[in-house]
Amino acid sequence: MEASTETPPITPPPSPNGAEPEHSPAETANANQMFRYSDYVHVGPGAAECEDAEDGKCGNPLHFHVWIRLPNQFQHSSIREKALAAKARKLRQLRDPESDARAIVESDLDEFIDSAASDDDIIDALANKDFFQVHLRAMREVQDEDEFKTIDEDRERLKALQAKPEEERDAEEFKELEAHNSAYMDRVEEVRNGLQRPLRESLQGKPREELRELLLKERIAKEGQDEFNRTYSIWEWYIATLKPVPEGQLPSERYFAHIDHLRAAAPEVIEALEEAFNGIEAEAGRQLRGF
């Protein structure tokens, strides 16, 4: 799915009370700049090729056509408050020893502890709780080393060579790039292990019951964050999934009449929305990082 590259003039909907609407210089901003973090989503047989996919005129009941964008600052703040509230409620449940939510976490944790061959398995779980963040830090540190300063370009070149038939590759270059990429991954693992070592060493020798309590706190924190992410996503999708409109108009009507309509949507629709929102969020993240 690709966002439209056209920049039609934007015609805002009329003010609901008939009064002259408030204006801002932002109204004249280039549409590509204003809505670069947007996309069309099409689900259903032949939906992507539908001639009315992006004008709001499709009458095929098997087609799902929407325009999505990132929430604006005000919407983001409201959605975040809802997600924080949901996280707080979840954490209160999980911290209550008598709650069903706590019983589920305790049961899963006991199964893991009982199946652990040694305390090292529990320590691994604790040390890897922030694996992704630590791995990214290790990548950044390794890419600052002279040997791997051009690793991104090297990996792109390797990918391009992998896509070619074997007889069309430069065999020597391909072999060198494979070895270089392997050395890079080994070096990232080495640095990551070094970053994790202080935590691992601090956990060595602790009684299993103490390790269990640390892991329980980690599981509770993760469940709370998962609830935040789920709540943020569903409200973001509900608020920022809009009905397509004819060219020259600005989508403003939500596709889902109520949040429960989104919750009841077909799995294919949920999957497509998740993929599309992840895509525009990733693009926004790349822009913020200057990629």
C-alpha atoms as a PDB file:
ATOM      1  CA  MET A   1       0.000   0.000   0.000  1.00  0.00           C
ATOM      2  CA  GLU A   2       1.308   3.397  -0.893  1.00  0.00           C
ATOM      3  CA  ALA A   3       0.086   6.826   0.071  1.00  0.00           C
ATOM      4  CA  SER A   4      -1.149   9.011  -2.767  1.00  0.00           C
ATOM      5  CA  THR A   5       1.502  11.337  -4.186  1.00  0.00           C
ATOM      6  CA  GLU A   6      -1.065  13.813  -5.535  1.00  0.00           C
ATOM      7  CA  THR A   7      -1.593  17.142  -3.791  1.00  0.00           C
ATOM      8  CA  PRO A   8      -5.177  18.207  -4.556  1.00  0.00           C
ATOM      9  CA  PRO A   9      -6.511  21.443  -3.098  1.00  0.00           C
ATOM     10  CA  ILE A  10      -8.075  20.906   0.297  1.00  0.00           C
ATOM     11  CA  THR A  11     -11.685  21.950   0.814  1.00  0.00           C
ATOM     12  CA  PRO A  12     -12.578  21.851   4.529  1.00  0.00           C
ATOM     13  CA  PRO A  13     -16.095  20.820   5.527  1.00  0.00           C
ATOM     14  CA  PRO A  14     -18.484  23.692   6.382  1.00  0.00           C
ATOM     15  CA  SER A  15     -18.660  24.903   9.961  1.00  0.00           C
ATOM     16  CA  PRO A  16     -21.433  22.966  11.748  1.00  0.00           C
ATOM     17  CA  ASN A  17     -23.090  26.136  13.093  1.00  0.00           C
ATOM     18  CA  GLY A  18     -22.747  28.168   9.899  1.00  0.00           C
ATOM     19  CA  ALA A  19     -20.331  30.652  11.473  1.00  0.00           C
ATOM     20  CA  GLU A  20     -17.115  31.713   9.780  1.00  0.00           C
ATOM     21  CA  PRO A  21     -14.549  29.045  10.769  1.00  0.00           C
ATOM     22  CA  GLU A  22     -11.299  29.969  12.429  1.00  0.00           C
ATOM     23  CA  HIS A  23      -8.350  30.106  10.027  1.00  0.00           C
ATOM     24  CA  SER A  24      -4.657  29.389  10.292  1.00  0.00           C
ATOM     25  CA  PRO A  25      -1.629  29.775   7.985  1.00  0.00           C
ATOM     26  CA  ALA A  26      -1.308  25.995   8.198  1.00  0.00           C
ATOM     27  CA  GLU A  27      -4.321  25.731   5.868  1.00  0.00           C
ATOM     28  CA  THR A  28      -2.147  26.775   2.948  1.00  0.00           C
ATOM     29  CA  ALA A  29       0.660  24.335   3.740  1.00  0.00           C
ATOM     30  CA  ASN A  30       1.659  21.867   1.062  1.00  0.00           C
ATOM     31  CA  ALA A  31      -0.545  18.771   1.341  1.00  0.00           C
ATOM     32  CA  ASN A  32       2.417  16.422   0.998  1.00  0.00           C
ATOM     33  CA  GLN A  33       3.997  18.069   4.039  1.00  0.00           C
ATOM     34  CA  MET A  34       0.782  18.008   6.054  1.00  0.00           C
ATOM     35  CA  PHE A  35      -0.166  14.419   5.268  1.00  0.00           C
ATOM     36  CA  ARG A  36       3.087  12.655   4.446  1.00  0.00           C
ATOM     37  CA  TYR A  37       2.351  10.269   7.322  1.00  0.00           C
ATOM     38  CA  SER A  38      -0.829   8.915   5.763  1.00  0.00           C
ATOM     39  CA  ASP A  39      -1.914   6.035   3.575  1.00  0.00           C
ATOM     40  CA  TYR A  40      -4.870   4.345   1.934  1.00  0.00           C
ATOM     41  CA  VAL A  41      -5.860   0.869   3.116  1.00  0.00           C
ATOM     42  CA  HIS A  42      -7.819  -1.521   0.899  1.00  0.00           C
ATOM     43  CA  VAL A  43      -9.081  -4.948   1.992  1.00  0.00           C
ATOM     44  CA  GLY A  44     -11.195  -7.450   0.093  1.00  0.00           C
ATOM     45  CA  PRO A  45     -11.138  -9.258  -3.249  1.00  0.00           C
ATOM     46  CA  GLY A  46     -10.143  -6.758  -5.918  1.00  0.00           C
ATOM     47  CA  ALA A  47     -10.237  -3.851  -3.446  1.00  0.00           C
ATOM     48  CA  ALA A  48      -6.771  -2.566  -4.315  1.00  0.00           C
ATOM     49  CA  GLU A  49      -7.719  -2.345  -8.019  1.00  0.00           C
ATOM     50  CA  CYS A  50     -11.173  -0.841  -7.415  1.00  0.00           C
ATOM     51  CA  GLU A  51     -11.636   2.333  -9.495  1.00  0.00           C
ATOM     52  CA  ASP A  52     -13.494   3.959  -6.594  1.00  0.00           C
ATOM     53  CA  ALA A  53     -10.993   2.862  -3.955  1.00  0.00           C
ATOM     54  CA  GLU A  54      -9.940   6.394  -3.030  1.00  0.00           C
ATOM     55  CA  ASP A  55     -12.986   8.544  -3.790  1.00  0.00           C
ATOM     56  CA  GLY A  56     -15.529   7.191  -1.323  1.00  0.00           C
ATOM     57  CA  LYS A  57     -17.933   6.033  -4.030  1.00  0.00           C
ATOM     58  CA  CYS A  58     -17.348   2.273  -3.874  1.00  0.00           C
ATOM     59  CA  GLY A  59     -20.548   0.334  -3.269  1.00  0.00           C
ATOM     60  CA  ASN A  60     -19.034  -3.168  -3.129  1.00  0.00           C
ATOM     61  CA  PRO A  61     -19.947  -4.635   0.295  1.00  0.00           C
ATOM     62  CA  LEU A  62     -16.848  -6.862   0.159  1.00  0.00           C
ATOM     63  CA  HIS A  63     -14.487  -3.910  -0.141  1.00  0.00           C
ATOM     64  CA  PHE A  64     -12.948  -1.995   2.763  1.00  0.00           C
ATOM     65  CA  HIS A  65     -11.473   1.371   1.740  1.00  0.00           C
ATOM     66  CA  VAL A  66     -10.127   3.919   4.237  1.00  0.00           C
ATOM     67  CA  TRP A  67      -7.612   6.732   4.514  1.00  0.00           C
ATOM     68  CA  ILE A  68      -5.452   6.747   7.615  1.00  0.00           C
ATOM     69  CA  ARG A  69      -3.119   9.322   9.119  1.00  0.00           C
ATOM     70  CA  LEU A  70      -1.251   9.846  12.363  1.00  0.00           C
ATOM     71  CA  PRO A  71      -3.265  11.578  15.110  1.00  0.00           C
ATOM     72  CA  ASN A  72      -2.558  15.260  15.553  1.00  0.00           C
ATOM     73  CA  GLN A  73      -1.018  16.601  18.767  1.00  0.00           C
ATOM     74  CA  PHE A  74      -4.363  17.069  20.515  1.00  0.00           C
ATOM     75  CA  GLN A  75      -5.612  13.636  19.551  1.00  0.00           C
ATOM     76  CA  HIS A  76      -2.314  12.057  20.555  1.00  0.00           C
ATOM     77  CA  SER A  77      -2.573  13.622  24.012  1.00  0.00           C
ATOM     78  CA  SER A  78      -6.130  12.340  24.475  1.00  0.00           C
ATOM     79  CA  ILE A  79      -5.277   8.845  23.243  1.00  0.00           C
ATOM     80  CA  ARG A  80      -2.208   8.727  25.477  1.00  0.00           C
ATOM     81  CA  GLU A  81      -4.328   9.615  28.516  1.00  0.00           C
ATOM     82  CA  LYS A  82      -6.699   6.744  27.735  1.00  0.00           C
ATOM     83  CA  ALA A  83      -3.764   4.356  27.313  1.00  0.00           C
ATOM     84  CA  LEU A  84      -2.132   5.505  30.557  1.00  0.00           C
ATOM     85  CA  ALA A  85      -5.417   5.028  32.407  1.00  0.00           C
ATOM     86  CA  ALA A  86      -5.790   1.524  30.976  1.00  0.00           C
ATOM     87  CA  LYS A  87      -2.207   0.724  31.989  1.00  0.00           C
ATOM     88  CA  ALA A  88      -2.822   2.013  35.514  1.00  0.00           C
ATOM     89  CA  ARG A  89      -5.952  -0.134  35.865  1.00  0.00           C
ATOM     90  CA  LYS A  90      -4.113  -3.191  34.596  1.00  0.00           C
ATOM     91  CA  LEU A  91      -1.235  -2.649  37.017  1.00  0.00           C
ATOM     92  CA  ARG A  92      -3.655  -2.305  39.950  1.00  0.00           C
ATOM     93  CA  GLN A  93      -5.206  -5.634  38.994  1.00  0.00           C
ATOM     94  CA  LEU A  94      -1.828  -7.316  38.622  1.00  0.00           C
ATOM     95  CA  ARG A  95      -0.608  -6.013  41.987  1.00  0.00           C
ATOM     96  CA  ASP A  96      -3.677  -7.427  43.732  1.00  0.00           C
ATOM     97  CA  PRO A  97      -2.685 -10.946  44.885  1.00  0.00           C
ATOM     98  CA  GLU A  98      -6.360 -12.014  44.774  1.00  0.00           C
ATOM     99  CA  SER A  99      -7.114 -10.881  41.207  1.00  0.00           C
ATOM    100  CA  ASP A 100      -7.613 -13.197  38.228  1.00  0.00           C
ATOM    101  CA  ALA A 101      -5.030 -11.234  36.250  1.00  0.00           C
ATOM    102  CA  ARG A 102      -2.410 -11.811  38.959  1.00  0.00           C
ATOM    103  CA  ALA A 103      -3.310 -15.508  39.150  1.00  0.00           C
ATOM    104  CA  ILE A 104      -2.687 -15.903  35.406  1.00  0.00           C
ATOM    105  CA  VAL A 105       0.711 -14.188  35.595  1.00  0.00           C
ATOM    106  CA  GLU A 106       1.702 -16.236  38.661  1.00  0.00           C
ATOM    107  CA  SER A 107       0.667 -19.477  36.941  1.00  0.00           C
ATOM    108  CA  ASP A 108       2.643 -18.695  33.781  1.00  0.00           C
ATOM    109  CA  LEU A 109       5.633 -17.679  35.877  1.00  0.00           C
ATOM    110  CA  ASP A 110       5.546 -20.850  37.960  1.00  0.00           C
ATOM    111  CA  GLU A 111       5.458 -22.948  34.789  1.00  0.00           C
ATOM    112  CA  PHE A 112       8.540 -21.151  33.515  1.00  0.00           C
ATOM    113  CA  ILE A 113      10.398 -21.452  36.836  1.00  0.00           C
ATOM    114  CA  ASP A 114       9.566 -25.161  37.133  1.00  0.00           C
ATOM    115  CA  SER A 115      10.763 -25.836  33.582  1.00  0.00           C
ATOM    116  CA  ALA A 116      14.015 -23.872  33.998  1.00  0.00           C
ATOM    117  CA  ALA A 117      16.976 -26.247  33.806  1.00  0.00           C
ATOM    118  CA  SER A 118      19.027 -23.926  36.022  1.00  0.00           C
ATOM    119  CA  ASP A 119      19.037 -20.450  37.512  1.00  0.00           C
ATOM    120  CA  ASP A 120      20.904 -19.327  34.408  1.00  0.00           C
ATOM    121  CA  ASP A 121      17.656 -19.687  32.427  1.00  0.00           C
ATOM    122  CA  ILE A 122      15.929 -17.295  34.837  1.00  0.00           C
ATOM    123  CA  ILE A 123      18.871 -14.893  34.703  1.00  0.00           C
ATOM    124  CA  ASP A 124      18.726 -14.979  30.895  1.00  0.00           C
ATOM    125  CA  ALA A 125      15.063 -13.961  31.022  1.00  0.00           C
ATOM    126  CA  LEU A 126      15.853 -11.065  33.357  1.00  0.00           C
ATOM    127  CA  ALA A 127      18.908  -9.938  31.399  1.00  0.00           C
ATOM    128  CA  ASN A 128      16.968  -9.982  28.110  1.00  0.00           C
ATOM    129  CA  LYS A 129      14.009  -7.936  29.343  1.00  0.00           C
ATOM    130  CA  ASP A 130      15.339  -4.886  27.453  1.00  0.00           C
ATOM    131  CA  PHE A 131      16.936  -6.914  24.672  1.00  0.00           C
ATOM    132  CA  PHE A 132      15.753  -4.736  21.790  1.00  0.00           C
ATOM    133  CA  GLN A 133      16.963  -1.473  23.324  1.00  0.00           C
ATOM    134  CA  VAL A 134      20.303  -2.999  24.314  1.00  0.00           C
ATOM    135  CA  HIS A 135      20.714  -4.546  20.862  1.00  0.00           C
ATOM    136  CA  LEU A 136      20.096  -1.172  19.190  1.00  0.00           C
ATOM    137  CA  ARG A 137      22.640   0.459  21.483  1.00  0.00           C
ATOM    138  CA  ALA A 138      25.161  -2.254  20.589  1.00  0.00           C
ATOM    139  CA  MET A 139      24.505  -1.666  16.876  1.00  0.00           C
ATOM    140  CA  ARG A 140      25.091   2.061  17.262  1.00  0.00           C
ATOM    141  CA  GLU A 141      28.335   1.503  19.143  1.00  0.00           C
ATOM    142  CA  VAL A 142      29.628  -1.009  16.592  1.00  0.00           C
ATOM    143  CA  GLN A 143      28.722   1.261  13.672  1.00  0.00           C
ATOM    144  CA  ASP A 144      30.930   3.943  15.228  1.00  0.00           C
ATOM    145  CA  GLU A 145      33.925   1.638  14.869  1.00  0.00           C
ATOM    146  CA  ASP A 146      36.084   2.305  11.806  1.00  0.00           C
ATOM    147  CA  GLU A 147      35.652  -1.225  10.461  1.00  0.00           C
ATOM    148  CA  PHE A 148      31.865  -0.968  10.318  1.00  0.00           C
ATOM    149  CA  LYS A 149      31.174   2.697   9.545  1.00  0.00           C
ATOM    150  CA  THR A 150      29.759   1.766   6.123  1.00  0.00           C
ATOM    151  CA  ILE A 151      27.929  -1.374   7.236  1.00  0.00           C
ATOM    152  CA  ASP A 152      24.504  -0.068   6.156  1.00  0.00           C
ATOM    153  CA  GLU A 153      25.724   0.480   2.585  1.00  0.00           C
ATOM    154  CA  ASP A 154      27.583  -2.851   2.662  1.00  0.00           C
ATOM    155  CA  ARG A 155      24.451  -4.702   3.716  1.00  0.00           C
ATOM    156  CA  GLU A 156      22.399  -3.027   1.006  1.00  0.00           C
ATOM    157  CA  ARG A 157      24.984  -4.085  -1.548  1.00  0.00           C
ATOM    158  CA  LEU A 158      24.912  -7.637  -0.174  1.00  0.00           C
ATOM    159  CA  LYS A 159      21.122  -7.684  -0.457  1.00  0.00           C
ATOM    160  CA  ALA A 160      21.359  -6.534  -4.071  1.00  0.00           C
ATOM    161  CA  LEU A 161      23.856  -9.279  -4.888  1.00  0.00           C
ATOM    162  CA  GLN A 162      21.707 -11.909  -3.160  1.00  0.00           C
ATOM    163  CA  ALA A 163      18.822 -10.932  -5.438  1.00  0.00           C
ATOM    164  CA  LYS A 164      20.903 -11.640  -8.549  1.00  0.00           C
ATOM    165  CA  PRO A 165      21.317 -15.086 -10.132  1.00  0.00           C
ATOM    166  CA  GLU A 166      24.517 -16.691  -8.874  1.00  0.00           C
ATOM    167  CA  GLU A 167      26.155 -16.586 -12.294  1.00  0.00           C
ATOM    168  CA  GLU A 168      25.677 -12.806 -12.482  1.00  0.00           C
ATOM    169  CA  ARG A 169      27.327 -12.015  -9.148  1.00  0.00           C
ATOM    170  CA  ASP A 170      30.892 -10.979  -8.553  1.00  0.00           C
ATOM    171  CA  ALA A 171      31.790 -14.073  -6.529  1.00  0.00           C
ATOM    172  CA  GLU A 172      34.743 -12.471  -4.755  1.00  0.00           C
ATOM    173  CA  GLU A 173      32.765  -9.374  -3.759  1.00  0.00           C
ATOM    174  CA  PHE A 174      29.844 -11.511  -2.607  1.00  0.00           C
ATOM    175  CA  LYS A 175      32.068 -13.698  -0.452  1.00  0.00           C
ATOM    176  CA  GLU A 176      33.796 -10.678   1.112  1.00  0.00           C
ATOM    177  CA  LEU A 177      30.492  -8.954   1.914  1.00  0.00           C
ATOM    178  CA  GLU A 178      29.058 -12.102   3.485  1.00  0.00           C
ATOM    179  CA  ALA A 179      32.139 -12.431   5.682  1.00  0.00           C
ATOM    180  CA  HIS A 180      32.021  -8.740   6.590  1.00  0.00           C
ATOM    181  CA  ASN A 181      28.325  -8.934   7.506  1.00  0.00           C
ATOM    182  CA  SER A 182      28.944 -12.032   9.602  1.00  0.00           C
ATOM    183  CA  ALA A 183      31.787 -10.259  11.409  1.00  0.00           C
ATOM    184  CA  TYR A 184      29.491  -7.296  12.060  1.00  0.00           C
ATOM    185  CA  MET A 185      26.771  -9.487  13.588  1.00  0.00           C
ATOM    186  CA  ASP A 186      29.351 -11.292  15.747  1.00  0.00           C
ATOM    187  CA  ARG A 187      30.703  -7.946  16.928  1.00  0.00           C
ATOM    188  CA  VAL A 188      27.206  -6.648  17.779  1.00  0.00           C
ATOM    189  CA  GLU A 189      26.554  -9.787  19.817  1.00  0.00           C
ATOM    190  CA  GLU A 190      29.878  -9.326  21.607  1.00  0.00           C
ATOM    191  CA  VAL A 191      29.112  -5.701  22.493  1.00  0.00           C
ATOM    192  CA  ARG A 192      25.546  -6.556  23.516  1.00  0.00           C
ATOM    193  CA  ASN A 193      26.784  -9.273  25.834  1.00  0.00           C
ATOM    194  CA  GLY A 194      29.214  -6.786  27.321  1.00  0.00           C
ATOM    195  CA  LEU A 195      26.417  -4.304  27.972  1.00  0.00           C
ATOM    196  CA  GLN A 196      24.357  -7.029  29.664  1.00  0.00           C
ATOM    197  CA  ARG A 197      27.249  -8.428  31.721  1.00  0.00           C
ATOM    198  CA  PRO A 198      26.941  -6.121  34.782  1.00  0.00           C
ATOM    199  CA  LEU A 199      23.278  -7.067  35.211  1.00  0.00           C
ATOM    200  CA  ARG A 200      23.984 -10.760  34.761  1.00  0.00           C
ATOM    201  CA  GLU A 201      26.805 -10.630  37.300  1.00  0.00           C
ATOM    202  CA  SER A 202      24.578  -8.846  39.818  1.00  0.00           C
ATOM    203  CA  LEU A 203      22.029 -11.657  39.513  1.00  0.00           C
ATOM    204  CA  GLN A 204      24.452 -14.527  39.883  1.00  0.00           C
ATOM    205  CA  GLY A 205      24.184 -16.258  43.243  1.00  0.00           C
ATOM    206  CA  LYS A 206      20.804 -14.818  44.186  1.00  0.00           C
ATOM    207  CA  PRO A 207      18.315 -17.344  45.650  1.00  0.00           C
ATOM    208  CA  ARG A 208      15.786 -18.682  43.153  1.00  0.00           C
ATOM    209  CA  GLU A 209      12.908 -17.161  45.131  1.00  0.00           C
ATOM    210  CA  GLU A 210      14.513 -13.725  44.827  1.00  0.00           C
ATOM    211  CA  LEU A 211      15.003 -14.256  41.111  1.00  0.00           C
ATOM    212  CA  ARG A 212      11.359 -15.240  40.890  1.00  0.00           C
ATOM    213  CA  GLU A 213      10.248 -12.019  42.569  1.00  0.00           C
ATOM    214  CA  LEU A 214      12.371  -9.947  40.187  1.00  0.00           C
ATOM    215  CA  LEU A 215      10.902 -11.805  37.228  1.00  0.00           C
ATOM    216  CA  LEU A 216       7.380 -11.310  38.605  1.00  0.00           C
ATOM    217  CA  LYS A 217       7.938  -7.544  38.760  1.00  0.00           C
ATOM    218  CA  GLU A 218       9.222  -7.623  35.187  1.00  0.00           C
ATOM    219  CA  ARG A 219       6.211  -9.632  33.984  1.00  0.00           C
ATOM    220  CA  ILE A 220       3.806  -7.218  35.700  1.00  0.00           C
ATOM    221  CA  ALA A 221       5.565  -4.209  34.159  1.00  0.00           C
ATOM    222  CA  LYS A 222       5.432  -5.850  30.712  1.00  0.00           C
ATOM    223  CA  GLU A 223       1.725  -6.653  31.036  1.00  0.00           C
ATOM    224  CA  GLY A 224       1.076  -3.033  31.950  1.00  0.00           C
ATOM    225  CA  GLN A 225       3.017  -1.750  28.938  1.00  0.00           C
ATOM    226  CA  ASP A 226       1.273  -4.241  26.655  1.00  0.00           C
ATOM    227  CA  GLU A 227      -2.075  -2.896  27.870  1.00  0.00           C
ATOM    228  CA  PHE A 228      -0.905   0.655  27.140  1.00  0.00           C
ATOM    229  CA  ASN A 229       0.128  -0.347  23.604  1.00  0.00           C
ATOM    230  CA  ARG A 230      -3.141  -2.201  22.905  1.00  0.00           C
ATOM    231  CA  THR A 231      -5.273   0.660  24.177  1.00  0.00           C
ATOM    232  CA  TYR A 232      -3.289   3.312  22.318  1.00  0.00           C
ATOM    233  CA  SER A 233      -3.486   1.348  19.074  1.00  0.00           C
ATOM    234  CA  ILE A 234      -7.228   0.732  19.096  1.00  0.00           C
ATOM    235  CA  TRP A 235      -8.043   4.349  19.893  1.00  0.00           C
ATOM    236  CA  GLU A 236      -5.519   5.613  17.338  1.00  0.00           C
ATOM    237  CA  TRP A 237      -7.053   3.400  14.666  1.00  0.00           C
ATOM    238  CA  TYR A 238     -10.588   4.438  15.620  1.00  0.00           C
ATOM    239  CA  ILE A 239      -9.860   8.172  15.571  1.00  0.00           C
ATOM    240  CA  ALA A 240      -7.518   8.305  12.577  1.00  0.00           C
ATOM    241  CA  THR A 241      -9.243   5.871  10.184  1.00  0.00           C
ATOM    242  CA  LEU A 242     -11.385   7.991   7.876  1.00  0.00           C
ATOM    243  CA  LYS A 243     -13.714   7.500   4.938  1.00  0.00           C
ATOM    244  CA  PRO A 244     -12.190   8.377   1.550  1.00  0.00           C
ATOM    245  CA  VAL A 245     -13.674  11.397  -0.206  1.00  0.00           C
ATOM    246  CA  PRO A 246     -13.586  12.705  -3.794  1.00  0.00           C
ATOM    247  CA  GLU A 247     -10.457  14.474  -4.984  1.00  0.00           C
ATOM    248  CA  GLY A 248     -10.157  18.007  -3.687  1.00  0.00           C
ATOM    249  CA  GLN A 249     -11.798  17.272  -0.352  1.00  0.00           C
ATOM    250  CA  LEU A 250     -10.246  16.466   3.003  1.00  0.00           C
ATOM    251  CA  PRO A 251     -11.339  13.238   4.736  1.00  0.00           C
ATOM    252  CA  SER A 252     -12.934  14.099   8.068  1.00  0.00           C
ATOM    253  CA  GLU A 253     -15.569  11.430   8.795  1.00  0.00           C
ATOM    254  CA  ARG A 254     -14.485   8.432  10.827  1.00  0.00           C
ATOM    255  CA  TYR A 255     -15.019   5.089   9.162  1.00  0.00           C
ATOM    256  CA  PHE A 256     -16.011   3.318  12.380  1.00  0.00           C
ATOM    257  CA  ALA A 257     -19.152   4.779  13.942  1.00  0.00           C
ATOM    258  CA  HIS A 258     -18.122   3.537  17.395  1.00  0.00           C
ATOM    259  CA  ILE A 259     -15.027   2.042  19.011  1.00  0.00           C
ATOM    260  CA  ASP A 260     -16.887  -1.284  19.392  1.00  0.00           C
ATOM    261  CA  HIS A 261     -17.393  -1.382  15.618  1.00  0.00           C
ATOM    262  CA  LEU A 262     -13.627  -1.428  15.254  1.00  0.00           C
ATOM    263  CA  ARG A 263     -13.280  -4.125  17.901  1.00  0.00           C
ATOM    264  CA  ALA A 264     -15.778  -6.241  15.948  1.00  0.00           C
ATOM    265  CA  ALA A 265     -14.029  -5.770  12.573  1.00  0.00           C
ATOM    266  CA  ALA A 266     -12.856  -8.766  10.553  1.00  0.00           C
ATOM    267  CA  PRO A 267      -9.369 -10.094  11.360  1.00  0.00           C
ATOM    268  CA  GLU A 268      -8.199  -9.123   7.859  1.00  0.00           C
ATOM    269  CA  VAL A 269      -9.196  -5.508   8.495  1.00  0.00           C
ATOM    270  CA  ILE A 270      -7.437  -5.410  11.877  1.00  0.00           C
ATOM    271  CA  GLU A 271      -4.278  -6.903  10.356  1.00  0.00           C
ATOM    272  CA  ALA A 272      -4.298  -4.422   7.472  1.00  0.00           C
ATOM    273  CA  LEU A 273      -4.792  -1.445   9.803  1.00  0.00           C
ATOM    274  CA  GLU A 274      -2.016  -2.639  12.102  1.00  0.00           C
ATOM    275  CA  GLU A 275       0.395  -3.021   9.191  1.00  0.00           C
ATOM    276  CA  ALA A 276      -0.524   0.363   7.711  1.00  0.00           C
ATOM    277  CA  PHE A 277      -0.296   2.308  10.974  1.00  0.00           C
ATOM    278  CA  ASN A 278       3.004   0.593  11.789  1.00  0.00           C
ATOM    279  CA  GLY A 279       4.236   1.728   8.390  1.00  0.00           C
ATOM    280  CA  ILE A 280       3.409   5.408   8.775  1.00  0.00           C
ATOM    281  CA  GLU A 281       4.651   5.413  12.384  1.00  0.00           C
ATOM    282  CA  ALA A 282       7.944   3.897  11.251  1.00  0.00           C
ATOM    283  CA  GLU A 283       8.247   6.550   8.547  1.00  0.00           C
ATOM    284  CA  ALA A 284       7.599   9.281  11.114  1.00  0.00           C
ATOM    285  CA  GLY A 285      10.259   7.741  13.342  1.00  0.00           C
ATOM    286  CA  ARG A 286      12.780   7.671  10.512  1.00  0.00           C
ATOM    287  CA  GLN A 287      12.120  11.330   9.797  1.00  0.00           C
ATOM    288  CA  LEU A 288      12.596  12.261  13.449  1.00  0.00           C
ATOM    289  CA  ARG A 289      15.898  10.401  13.519  1.00  0.00           C
ATOM    290  CA  GLY A 290      16.981  12.083  10.282  1.00  0.00           C
ATOM    291  CA  PHE A 291      17.140   8.895   8.194  1.00  0.00           C
END
